[in-house]
Amino acid sequence: MHTDGAARADLPEAGFRLRPAAAGDAEFLTAILLEAFNWDAPRFSRDEILATPHFAHYVTGWPRAGDFGVVAEAPSGAPVGAAWARTFPAHDPGYGHVDPQVPELTVGVLPGHRGRGVGGALLDAVVALAARSGVDRLSLSVEDGNHAAALYASRGFVTVGREGNADTMVIQLGTH
């Protein structure tokens, strides 16, 4: 899967635009991964994330074959959020893993840009990209208390499992 030819989406009413995630976004995706893991309070440092294989595999080697995503940018061009997906083998699953063929989403928005529709726009764009590319399901993991769970449910994600204090959610994009 790829985002070649994917158009930028300008969303002036929200003060940001979306573009395909590219190889040069690896550092920013790492920053967003840190935000995703620390959604409620600082729990991990960037170095801890990258030193922990089960965390780092969300960004290591970005992009791998089959990876896809989008980045939200402020009018200045500075990235403010991202959503991306990648698959994981059964022997090295992600937190929202349901099947090695089902890409797992990571979504995050920098503090100061939350509550403005950035996360919803990112989620909608990456889901649409997946559907256009022939993906039939996407999964994610969301911890108890994370308000993003309501966003995911509003977009059609349903809970299919639970691990520790987190739900695994899946959206069905169609049958192919």
N, C-alpha and C. Protein backbone atom coordinates (compact mmCIF):
# COMPACT_ATOMS: atom_id res chain seq x y z
N MET A 1 0.83 -1.17 0.00
CA MET A 1 0.00 0.00 0.00
C MET A 1 0.88 1.23 0.00
N HIS A 2 0.40 2.29 -0.62
CA HIS A 2 1.20 3.50 -0.70
C HIS A 2 0.29 4.71 -0.78
N THR A 3 0.89 5.87 -0.62
CA THR A 3 0.12 7.11 -0.70
C THR A 3 0.54 7.94 -1.91
N ASP A 4 1.26 7.32 -2.85
CA ASP A 4 1.65 8.05 -4.05
C ASP A 4 0.41 8.61 -4.71
N GLY A 5 0.45 9.86 -5.07
CA GLY A 5 -0.67 10.49 -5.74
C GLY A 5 -1.76 10.95 -4.80
N ALA A 6 -1.64 10.69 -3.52
CA ALA A 6 -2.65 11.16 -2.58
C ALA A 6 -2.55 12.68 -2.49
N ALA A 7 -3.66 13.33 -2.59
CA ALA A 7 -3.67 14.79 -2.60
C ALA A 7 -3.60 15.35 -1.19
N ARG A 8 -3.06 16.56 -1.12
CA ARG A 8 -3.13 17.29 0.15
C ARG A 8 -4.57 17.71 0.34
N ALA A 9 -5.00 17.74 1.55
CA ALA A 9 -6.34 18.20 1.86
C ALA A 9 -6.20 19.46 2.70
N ASP A 10 -6.60 20.58 2.15
CA ASP A 10 -6.56 21.83 2.90
C ASP A 10 -7.87 21.99 3.64
N LEU A 11 -7.79 22.23 4.92
CA LEU A 11 -8.96 22.38 5.77
C LEU A 11 -8.86 23.73 6.48
N PRO A 12 -9.02 24.83 5.71
CA PRO A 12 -8.78 26.15 6.30
C PRO A 12 -9.66 26.48 7.48
N GLU A 13 -10.89 25.92 7.52
CA GLU A 13 -11.77 26.23 8.64
C GLU A 13 -11.22 25.69 9.95
N ALA A 14 -10.40 24.67 9.85
CA ALA A 14 -9.81 24.09 11.05
C ALA A 14 -8.38 24.59 11.27
N GLY A 15 -7.84 25.33 10.32
CA GLY A 15 -6.50 25.87 10.47
C GLY A 15 -5.38 24.88 10.25
N PHE A 16 -5.61 23.81 9.52
CA PHE A 16 -4.57 22.85 9.23
C PHE A 16 -4.87 22.17 7.89
N ARG A 17 -3.88 21.45 7.38
CA ARG A 17 -4.06 20.67 6.16
C ARG A 17 -3.46 19.29 6.37
N LEU A 18 -3.90 18.35 5.57
CA LEU A 18 -3.41 16.97 5.64
C LEU A 18 -2.59 16.65 4.41
N ARG A 19 -1.58 15.82 4.61
CA ARG A 19 -0.77 15.33 3.50
C ARG A 19 -0.34 13.90 3.81
N PRO A 20 0.05 13.15 2.77
CA PRO A 20 0.52 11.79 3.02
C PRO A 20 1.78 11.79 3.89
N ALA A 21 1.89 10.81 4.76
CA ALA A 21 3.11 10.64 5.56
C ALA A 21 4.20 10.09 4.64
N ALA A 22 5.41 10.62 4.79
CA ALA A 22 6.53 10.24 3.93
C ALA A 22 7.71 9.77 4.78
N ALA A 23 8.74 9.29 4.10
CA ALA A 23 9.93 8.78 4.80
C ALA A 23 10.53 9.83 5.72
N GLY A 24 10.50 11.10 5.31
CA GLY A 24 11.06 12.17 6.11
C GLY A 24 10.29 12.48 7.38
N ASP A 25 9.15 11.82 7.58
CA ASP A 25 8.32 12.05 8.77
C ASP A 25 8.63 11.11 9.93
N ALA A 26 9.62 10.26 9.79
CA ALA A 26 9.90 9.26 10.83
C ALA A 26 10.11 9.88 12.21
N GLU A 27 10.86 10.97 12.28
CA GLU A 27 11.09 11.62 13.58
C GLU A 27 9.80 12.18 14.16
N PHE A 28 8.97 12.78 13.31
CA PHE A 28 7.71 13.32 13.80
C PHE A 28 6.78 12.19 14.25
N LEU A 29 6.75 11.10 13.52
CA LEU A 29 5.92 9.97 13.94
C LEU A 29 6.38 9.45 15.30
N THR A 30 7.67 9.48 15.54
CA THR A 30 8.19 9.08 16.85
C THR A 30 7.68 10.02 17.93
N ALA A 31 7.65 11.32 17.63
CA ALA A 31 7.13 12.30 18.60
C ALA A 31 5.64 12.04 18.86
N ILE A 32 4.90 11.70 17.82
CA ILE A 32 3.47 11.42 17.99
C ILE A 32 3.27 10.10 18.73
N LEU A 33 4.11 9.11 18.48
CA LEU A 33 4.03 7.86 19.23
C LEU A 33 4.23 8.13 20.71
N LEU A 34 5.16 9.00 21.03
CA LEU A 34 5.38 9.38 22.43
C LEU A 34 4.13 10.03 23.00
N GLU A 35 3.47 10.91 22.24
CA GLU A 35 2.22 11.52 22.69
C GLU A 35 1.14 10.46 22.90
N ALA A 36 1.06 9.49 21.99
CA ALA A 36 0.06 8.43 22.11
C ALA A 36 0.27 7.59 23.37
N PHE A 37 1.52 7.27 23.65
CA PHE A 37 1.80 6.48 24.86
C PHE A 37 1.63 7.30 26.14
N ASN A 38 1.84 8.59 26.05
CA ASN A 38 1.74 9.48 27.22
C ASN A 38 0.47 10.32 27.17
N TRP A 39 -0.61 9.79 26.65
CA TRP A 39 -1.84 10.55 26.43
C TRP A 39 -2.39 11.17 27.70
N ASP A 40 -2.20 10.51 28.84
CA ASP A 40 -2.80 11.01 30.08
C ASP A 40 -1.80 11.64 31.04
N ALA A 41 -0.55 11.24 30.93
CA ALA A 41 0.50 11.75 31.82
C ALA A 41 1.85 11.26 31.29
N PRO A 42 2.91 11.98 31.59
CA PRO A 42 4.23 11.51 31.15
C PRO A 42 4.56 10.17 31.81
N ARG A 43 4.68 9.14 31.00
CA ARG A 43 5.03 7.82 31.50
C ARG A 43 6.33 7.31 30.91
N PHE A 44 6.63 7.75 29.69
CA PHE A 44 7.79 7.27 28.97
C PHE A 44 8.53 8.45 28.34
N SER A 45 9.83 8.30 28.18
CA SER A 45 10.62 9.28 27.44
C SER A 45 10.78 8.78 26.00
N ARG A 46 11.21 9.67 25.13
CA ARG A 46 11.48 9.28 23.75
C ARG A 46 12.51 8.15 23.72
N ASP A 47 13.56 8.27 24.52
CA ASP A 47 14.60 7.24 24.55
C ASP A 47 14.05 5.90 25.02
N GLU A 48 13.15 5.92 26.01
CA GLU A 48 12.54 4.67 26.48
C GLU A 48 11.68 4.03 25.40
N ILE A 49 10.93 4.87 24.69
CA ILE A 49 10.09 4.35 23.59
C ILE A 49 10.96 3.65 22.55
N LEU A 50 12.04 4.32 22.13
CA LEU A 50 12.89 3.77 21.09
C LEU A 50 13.73 2.59 21.56
N ALA A 51 13.98 2.49 22.86
CA ALA A 51 14.77 1.38 23.40
C ALA A 51 13.93 0.15 23.72
N THR A 52 12.61 0.28 23.64
CA THR A 52 11.71 -0.82 23.94
C THR A 52 11.15 -1.36 22.64
N PRO A 53 11.61 -2.52 22.19
CA PRO A 53 11.20 -3.03 20.88
C PRO A 53 9.69 -3.08 20.66
N HIS A 54 8.93 -3.43 21.71
CA HIS A 54 7.48 -3.53 21.56
C HIS A 54 6.82 -2.16 21.36
N PHE A 55 7.49 -1.10 21.73
CA PHE A 55 7.02 0.26 21.46
C PHE A 55 7.59 0.76 20.13
N ALA A 56 8.90 0.59 19.98
CA ALA A 56 9.61 1.15 18.83
C ALA A 56 9.14 0.56 17.50
N HIS A 57 8.59 -0.65 17.52
CA HIS A 57 8.21 -1.27 16.24
C HIS A 57 7.09 -0.51 15.52
N TYR A 58 6.46 0.43 16.19
CA TYR A 58 5.45 1.26 15.52
C TYR A 58 6.08 2.26 14.55
N VAL A 59 7.35 2.58 14.75
CA VAL A 59 8.02 3.59 13.91
C VAL A 59 9.33 3.13 13.29
N THR A 60 9.93 2.08 13.81
CA THR A 60 11.23 1.63 13.32
C THR A 60 11.15 1.31 11.83
N GLY A 61 12.08 1.90 11.08
CA GLY A 61 12.15 1.63 9.65
C GLY A 61 11.06 2.28 8.82
N TRP A 62 10.39 3.31 9.36
CA TRP A 62 9.32 3.97 8.63
C TRP A 62 9.86 4.58 7.35
N PRO A 63 9.18 4.39 6.24
CA PRO A 63 8.06 3.47 6.02
C PRO A 63 8.54 2.11 5.51
N ARG A 64 7.89 1.07 5.99
CA ARG A 64 8.11 -0.27 5.45
C ARG A 64 7.09 -0.50 4.35
N ALA A 65 7.31 -1.52 3.56
CA ALA A 65 6.32 -1.90 2.55
C ALA A 65 4.99 -2.14 3.25
N GLY A 66 3.93 -1.54 2.75
CA GLY A 66 2.60 -1.71 3.33
C GLY A 66 2.20 -0.64 4.33
N ASP A 67 3.16 0.17 4.81
CA ASP A 67 2.84 1.25 5.74
C ASP A 67 2.12 2.38 5.00
N PHE A 68 1.21 3.05 5.70
CA PHE A 68 0.56 4.22 5.12
C PHE A 68 0.11 5.14 6.24
N GLY A 69 -0.02 6.43 5.92
CA GLY A 69 -0.45 7.37 6.94
C GLY A 69 -0.60 8.77 6.39
N VAL A 70 -1.02 9.66 7.29
CA VAL A 70 -1.21 11.06 6.96
C VAL A 70 -0.67 11.92 8.09
N VAL A 71 -0.26 13.12 7.73
CA VAL A 71 0.26 14.09 8.69
C VAL A 71 -0.58 15.35 8.57
N ALA A 72 -0.94 15.93 9.70
CA ALA A 72 -1.64 17.22 9.73
C ALA A 72 -0.59 18.31 9.95
N GLU A 73 -0.71 19.38 9.18
CA GLU A 73 0.22 20.51 9.29
C GLU A 73 -0.54 21.78 9.60
N ALA A 74 0.07 22.62 10.42
CA ALA A 74 -0.44 23.97 10.68
C ALA A 74 -0.21 24.81 9.42
N PRO A 75 -0.84 25.97 9.32
CA PRO A 75 -0.62 26.83 8.15
C PRO A 75 0.86 27.15 7.91
N SER A 76 1.67 27.14 8.95
CA SER A 76 3.10 27.40 8.82
C SER A 76 3.85 26.24 8.17
N GLY A 77 3.18 25.09 8.06
CA GLY A 77 3.83 23.89 7.54
C GLY A 77 4.37 22.98 8.63
N ALA A 78 4.31 23.42 9.88
CA ALA A 78 4.77 22.59 11.00
C ALA A 78 3.79 21.45 11.24
N PRO A 79 4.28 20.22 11.37
CA PRO A 79 3.39 19.10 11.64
C PRO A 79 2.80 19.20 13.04
N VAL A 80 1.49 18.87 13.17
CA VAL A 80 0.81 18.96 14.47
C VAL A 80 0.15 17.65 14.88
N GLY A 81 0.07 16.70 13.96
CA GLY A 81 -0.55 15.42 14.28
C GLY A 81 -0.32 14.43 13.17
N ALA A 82 -0.55 13.16 13.46
CA ALA A 82 -0.36 12.12 12.45
C ALA A 82 -1.21 10.91 12.79
N ALA A 83 -1.54 10.17 11.75
CA ALA A 83 -2.20 8.87 11.89
C ALA A 83 -1.55 7.95 10.87
N TRP A 84 -1.14 6.78 11.31
CA TRP A 84 -0.51 5.85 10.40
C TRP A 84 -0.84 4.43 10.80
N ALA A 85 -0.61 3.52 9.84
CA ALA A 85 -0.93 2.12 10.08
C ALA A 85 0.19 1.24 9.54
N ARG A 86 0.39 0.16 10.25
CA ARG A 86 1.34 -0.85 9.79
C ARG A 86 0.90 -2.19 10.35
N THR A 87 1.27 -3.25 9.65
CA THR A 87 0.95 -4.60 10.11
C THR A 87 2.11 -5.13 10.96
N PHE A 88 1.75 -6.09 11.81
CA PHE A 88 2.73 -6.73 12.68
C PHE A 88 2.56 -8.24 12.59
N PRO A 89 3.66 -8.97 12.58
CA PRO A 89 3.55 -10.44 12.55
C PRO A 89 3.03 -10.97 13.89
N ALA A 90 2.50 -12.18 13.85
CA ALA A 90 1.94 -12.79 15.06
C ALA A 90 2.97 -12.89 16.18
N HIS A 91 4.25 -13.08 15.85
CA HIS A 91 5.28 -13.23 16.88
C HIS A 91 5.73 -11.88 17.46
N ASP A 92 5.27 -10.76 16.88
CA ASP A 92 5.64 -9.42 17.36
C ASP A 92 4.43 -8.49 17.22
N PRO A 93 3.33 -8.81 17.91
CA PRO A 93 2.10 -8.04 17.72
C PRO A 93 2.16 -6.66 18.35
N GLY A 94 1.32 -5.77 17.83
CA GLY A 94 1.12 -4.47 18.45
C GLY A 94 0.06 -4.60 19.53
N TYR A 95 -0.23 -3.51 20.19
CA TYR A 95 -1.23 -3.55 21.28
C TYR A 95 -2.64 -3.77 20.76
N GLY A 96 -2.94 -3.32 19.57
CA GLY A 96 -4.27 -3.50 18.99
C GLY A 96 -4.30 -4.61 17.95
N HIS A 97 -3.40 -5.55 18.08
CA HIS A 97 -3.24 -6.62 17.08
C HIS A 97 -4.46 -7.56 17.08
N VAL A 98 -4.98 -7.82 15.88
CA VAL A 98 -6.03 -8.82 15.73
C VAL A 98 -5.66 -9.90 14.73
N ASP A 99 -4.77 -9.55 13.78
CA ASP A 99 -4.38 -10.49 12.73
C ASP A 99 -3.17 -9.89 12.00
N PRO A 100 -2.23 -10.72 11.57
CA PRO A 100 -1.08 -10.17 10.84
C PRO A 100 -1.45 -9.42 9.56
N GLN A 101 -2.63 -9.65 9.03
CA GLN A 101 -3.06 -8.98 7.80
C GLN A 101 -3.82 -7.69 8.06
N VAL A 102 -4.11 -7.40 9.32
CA VAL A 102 -4.90 -6.21 9.67
C VAL A 102 -3.96 -5.12 10.17
N PRO A 103 -3.83 -4.01 9.42
CA PRO A 103 -2.97 -2.92 9.88
C PRO A 103 -3.50 -2.32 11.18
N GLU A 104 -2.57 -1.95 12.04
CA GLU A 104 -2.91 -1.32 13.32
C GLU A 104 -2.62 0.17 13.24
N LEU A 105 -3.58 0.97 13.68
CA LEU A 105 -3.46 2.42 13.64
C LEU A 105 -2.78 2.98 14.87
N THR A 106 -2.05 4.05 14.63
CA THR A 106 -1.56 4.92 15.70
C THR A 106 -2.01 6.32 15.31
N VAL A 107 -2.62 7.03 16.26
CA VAL A 107 -3.12 8.38 16.00
C VAL A 107 -2.70 9.27 17.16
N GLY A 108 -2.26 10.47 16.84
CA GLY A 108 -1.91 11.41 17.89
C GLY A 108 -1.84 12.83 17.38
N VAL A 109 -2.10 13.75 18.29
CA VAL A 109 -2.07 15.19 17.99
C VAL A 109 -1.27 15.86 19.11
N LEU A 110 -0.42 16.79 18.72
CA LEU A 110 0.37 17.51 19.72
C LEU A 110 -0.51 18.33 20.64
N PRO A 111 -0.12 18.45 21.91
CA PRO A 111 -0.87 19.32 22.83
C PRO A 111 -0.93 20.73 22.22
N GLY A 112 -2.01 21.41 22.49
CA GLY A 112 -2.19 22.75 21.93
C GLY A 112 -2.92 22.73 20.61
N HIS A 113 -3.03 21.55 19.99
CA HIS A 113 -3.76 21.42 18.74
C HIS A 113 -4.92 20.45 18.88
N ARG A 114 -5.11 19.93 20.08
CA ARG A 114 -6.20 18.98 20.33
C ARG A 114 -7.51 19.72 20.48
N GLY A 115 -8.61 19.01 20.25
CA GLY A 115 -9.93 19.60 20.41
C GLY A 115 -10.33 20.53 19.27
N ARG A 116 -9.61 20.47 18.16
CA ARG A 116 -9.89 21.33 17.00
C ARG A 116 -10.27 20.53 15.76
N GLY A 117 -10.51 19.24 15.92
CA GLY A 117 -10.89 18.41 14.79
C GLY A 117 -9.73 17.76 14.06
N VAL A 118 -8.51 17.99 14.53
CA VAL A 118 -7.35 17.41 13.86
C VAL A 118 -7.38 15.88 13.94
N GLY A 119 -7.61 15.34 15.12
CA GLY A 119 -7.63 13.88 15.28
C GLY A 119 -8.69 13.23 14.44
N GLY A 120 -9.89 13.80 14.41
CA GLY A 120 -10.97 13.25 13.59
C GLY A 120 -10.64 13.29 12.11
N ALA A 121 -10.07 14.40 11.66
CA ALA A 121 -9.69 14.53 10.25
C ALA A 121 -8.60 13.52 9.89
N LEU A 122 -7.61 13.35 10.78
CA LEU A 122 -6.56 12.36 10.54
C LEU A 122 -7.14 10.96 10.46
N LEU A 123 -8.01 10.63 11.41
CA LEU A 123 -8.62 9.31 11.43
C LEU A 123 -9.43 9.07 10.16
N ASP A 124 -10.26 10.03 9.77
CA ASP A 124 -11.07 9.88 8.56
C ASP A 124 -10.19 9.69 7.34
N ALA A 125 -9.11 10.46 7.25
CA ALA A 125 -8.23 10.37 6.08
C ALA A 125 -7.51 9.03 6.00
N VAL A 126 -7.01 8.52 7.12
CA VAL A 126 -6.27 7.26 7.06
C VAL A 126 -7.23 6.09 6.83
N VAL A 127 -8.44 6.17 7.35
CA VAL A 127 -9.44 5.13 7.08
C VAL A 127 -9.81 5.14 5.60
N ALA A 128 -10.03 6.32 5.04
CA ALA A 128 -10.36 6.42 3.61
C ALA A 128 -9.20 5.91 2.75
N LEU A 129 -7.98 6.23 3.13
CA LEU A 129 -6.81 5.75 2.40
C LEU A 129 -6.74 4.22 2.44
N ALA A 130 -6.99 3.66 3.59
CA ALA A 130 -6.99 2.20 3.73
C ALA A 130 -8.06 1.57 2.84
N ALA A 131 -9.26 2.13 2.87
CA ALA A 131 -10.36 1.58 2.07
C ALA A 131 -10.04 1.65 0.58
N ARG A 132 -9.50 2.79 0.13
CA ARG A 132 -9.14 2.93 -1.29
C ARG A 132 -8.04 1.95 -1.70
N SER A 133 -7.24 1.56 -0.74
CA SER A 133 -6.12 0.65 -1.02
C SER A 133 -6.49 -0.82 -0.90
N GLY A 134 -7.75 -1.11 -0.56
CA GLY A 134 -8.19 -2.49 -0.49
C GLY A 134 -8.08 -3.15 0.87
N VAL A 135 -7.73 -2.40 1.89
CA VAL A 135 -7.69 -2.95 3.24
C VAL A 135 -9.13 -3.16 3.71
N ASP A 136 -9.41 -4.31 4.32
CA ASP A 136 -10.80 -4.55 4.74
C ASP A 136 -11.06 -4.26 6.21
N ARG A 137 -9.99 -4.20 7.03
CA ARG A 137 -10.15 -3.87 8.45
C ARG A 137 -8.94 -3.11 8.94
N LEU A 138 -9.15 -2.28 9.95
CA LEU A 138 -8.09 -1.60 10.68
C LEU A 138 -8.35 -1.83 12.15
N SER A 139 -7.28 -1.90 12.94
CA SER A 139 -7.44 -2.08 14.37
C SER A 139 -6.66 -1.01 15.12
N LEU A 140 -6.96 -0.91 16.41
CA LEU A 140 -6.23 0.00 17.29
C LEU A 140 -6.47 -0.43 18.72
N SER A 141 -5.68 0.13 19.61
CA SER A 141 -5.84 -0.12 21.04
C SER A 141 -6.06 1.22 21.71
N VAL A 142 -7.00 1.25 22.65
CA VAL A 142 -7.27 2.49 23.37
C VAL A 142 -7.46 2.17 24.85
N GLU A 143 -6.69 2.88 25.68
CA GLU A 143 -6.73 2.63 27.11
C GLU A 143 -7.97 3.23 27.76
N ASP A 144 -8.37 2.63 28.88
CA ASP A 144 -9.48 3.14 29.67
C ASP A 144 -9.24 4.61 30.00
N GLY A 145 -10.27 5.42 29.89
CA GLY A 145 -10.17 6.82 30.23
C GLY A 145 -9.73 7.72 29.09
N ASN A 146 -9.26 7.15 28.00
CA ASN A 146 -8.82 7.96 26.86
C ASN A 146 -10.06 8.42 26.09
N HIS A 147 -10.24 9.73 26.02
CA HIS A 147 -11.42 10.30 25.36
C HIS A 147 -11.45 9.99 23.87
N ALA A 148 -10.34 9.58 23.29
CA ALA A 148 -10.31 9.21 21.88
C ALA A 148 -11.20 8.00 21.60
N ALA A 149 -11.50 7.20 22.60
CA ALA A 149 -12.36 6.04 22.40
C ALA A 149 -13.71 6.45 21.82
N ALA A 150 -14.23 7.58 22.27
CA ALA A 150 -15.51 8.06 21.73
C ALA A 150 -15.38 8.46 20.26
N LEU A 151 -14.26 9.06 19.90
CA LEU A 151 -14.01 9.40 18.49
C LEU A 151 -13.98 8.13 17.65
N TYR A 152 -13.23 7.13 18.11
CA TYR A 152 -13.13 5.89 17.35
C TYR A 152 -14.50 5.23 17.19
N ALA A 153 -15.27 5.18 18.26
CA ALA A 153 -16.61 4.59 18.18
C ALA A 153 -17.50 5.38 17.23
N SER A 154 -17.37 6.70 17.23
CA SER A 154 -18.21 7.52 16.35
C SER A 154 -17.89 7.30 14.88
N ARG A 155 -16.71 6.79 14.60
CA ARG A 155 -16.31 6.53 13.21
C ARG A 155 -16.54 5.07 12.80
N GLY A 156 -17.10 4.27 13.70
CA GLY A 156 -17.43 2.89 13.35
C GLY A 156 -16.53 1.81 13.92
N PHE A 157 -15.56 2.19 14.73
CA PHE A 157 -14.73 1.18 15.39
C PHE A 157 -15.55 0.52 16.48
N VAL A 158 -15.44 -0.80 16.60
CA VAL A 158 -16.14 -1.54 17.65
C VAL A 158 -15.12 -2.34 18.47
N THR A 159 -15.40 -2.51 19.73
CA THR A 159 -14.52 -3.26 20.62
C THR A 159 -14.63 -4.74 20.30
N VAL A 160 -13.47 -5.38 20.10
CA VAL A 160 -13.45 -6.81 19.79
C VAL A 160 -12.61 -7.60 20.79
N GLY A 161 -11.96 -6.91 21.71
CA GLY A 161 -11.13 -7.60 22.69
C GLY A 161 -10.65 -6.64 23.75
N ARG A 162 -10.00 -7.21 24.72
CA ARG A 162 -9.49 -6.41 25.83
C ARG A 162 -8.19 -7.01 26.31
N GLU A 163 -7.22 -6.15 26.58
CA GLU A 163 -5.94 -6.59 27.15
C GLU A 163 -5.58 -5.59 28.24
N GLY A 164 -5.45 -6.06 29.46
CA GLY A 164 -5.13 -5.17 30.56
C GLY A 164 -6.18 -4.09 30.71
N ASN A 165 -5.74 -2.83 30.66
CA ASN A 165 -6.68 -1.71 30.81
C ASN A 165 -7.01 -1.05 29.48
N ALA A 166 -6.96 -1.84 28.39
CA ALA A 166 -7.21 -1.27 27.07
C ALA A 166 -8.12 -2.16 26.23
N ASP A 167 -8.93 -1.51 25.42
CA ASP A 167 -9.78 -2.21 24.47
C ASP A 167 -9.09 -2.26 23.11
N THR A 168 -9.27 -3.37 22.43
CA THR A 168 -8.87 -3.48 21.03
C THR A 168 -10.11 -3.21 20.21
N MET A 169 -10.00 -2.26 19.29
CA MET A 169 -11.14 -1.86 18.46
C MET A 169 -10.80 -2.10 16.99
N VAL A 170 -11.83 -2.43 16.22
CA VAL A 170 -11.66 -2.71 14.79
C VAL A 170 -12.76 -1.99 14.02
N ILE A 171 -12.40 -1.52 12.84
CA ILE A 171 -13.39 -1.00 11.91
C ILE A 171 -13.37 -1.92 10.67
N GLN A 172 -14.56 -2.30 10.23
CA GLN A 172 -14.71 -3.11 9.03
C GLN A 172 -14.91 -2.16 7.86
N LEU A 173 -14.04 -2.24 6.87
CA LEU A 173 -14.10 -1.31 5.74
C LEU A 173 -14.81 -1.89 4.53
N GLY A 174 -15.11 -3.15 4.55
CA GLY A 174 -15.79 -3.77 3.41
C GLY A 174 -15.24 -5.15 3.18
N THR A 175 -15.85 -5.85 2.28
CA THR A 175 -15.38 -7.18 1.92
C THR A 175 -14.81 -7.12 0.52
N HIS A 176 -13.67 -7.75 0.37
CA HIS A 176 -12.99 -7.72 -0.94
C HIS A 176 -12.68 -9.13 -1.37
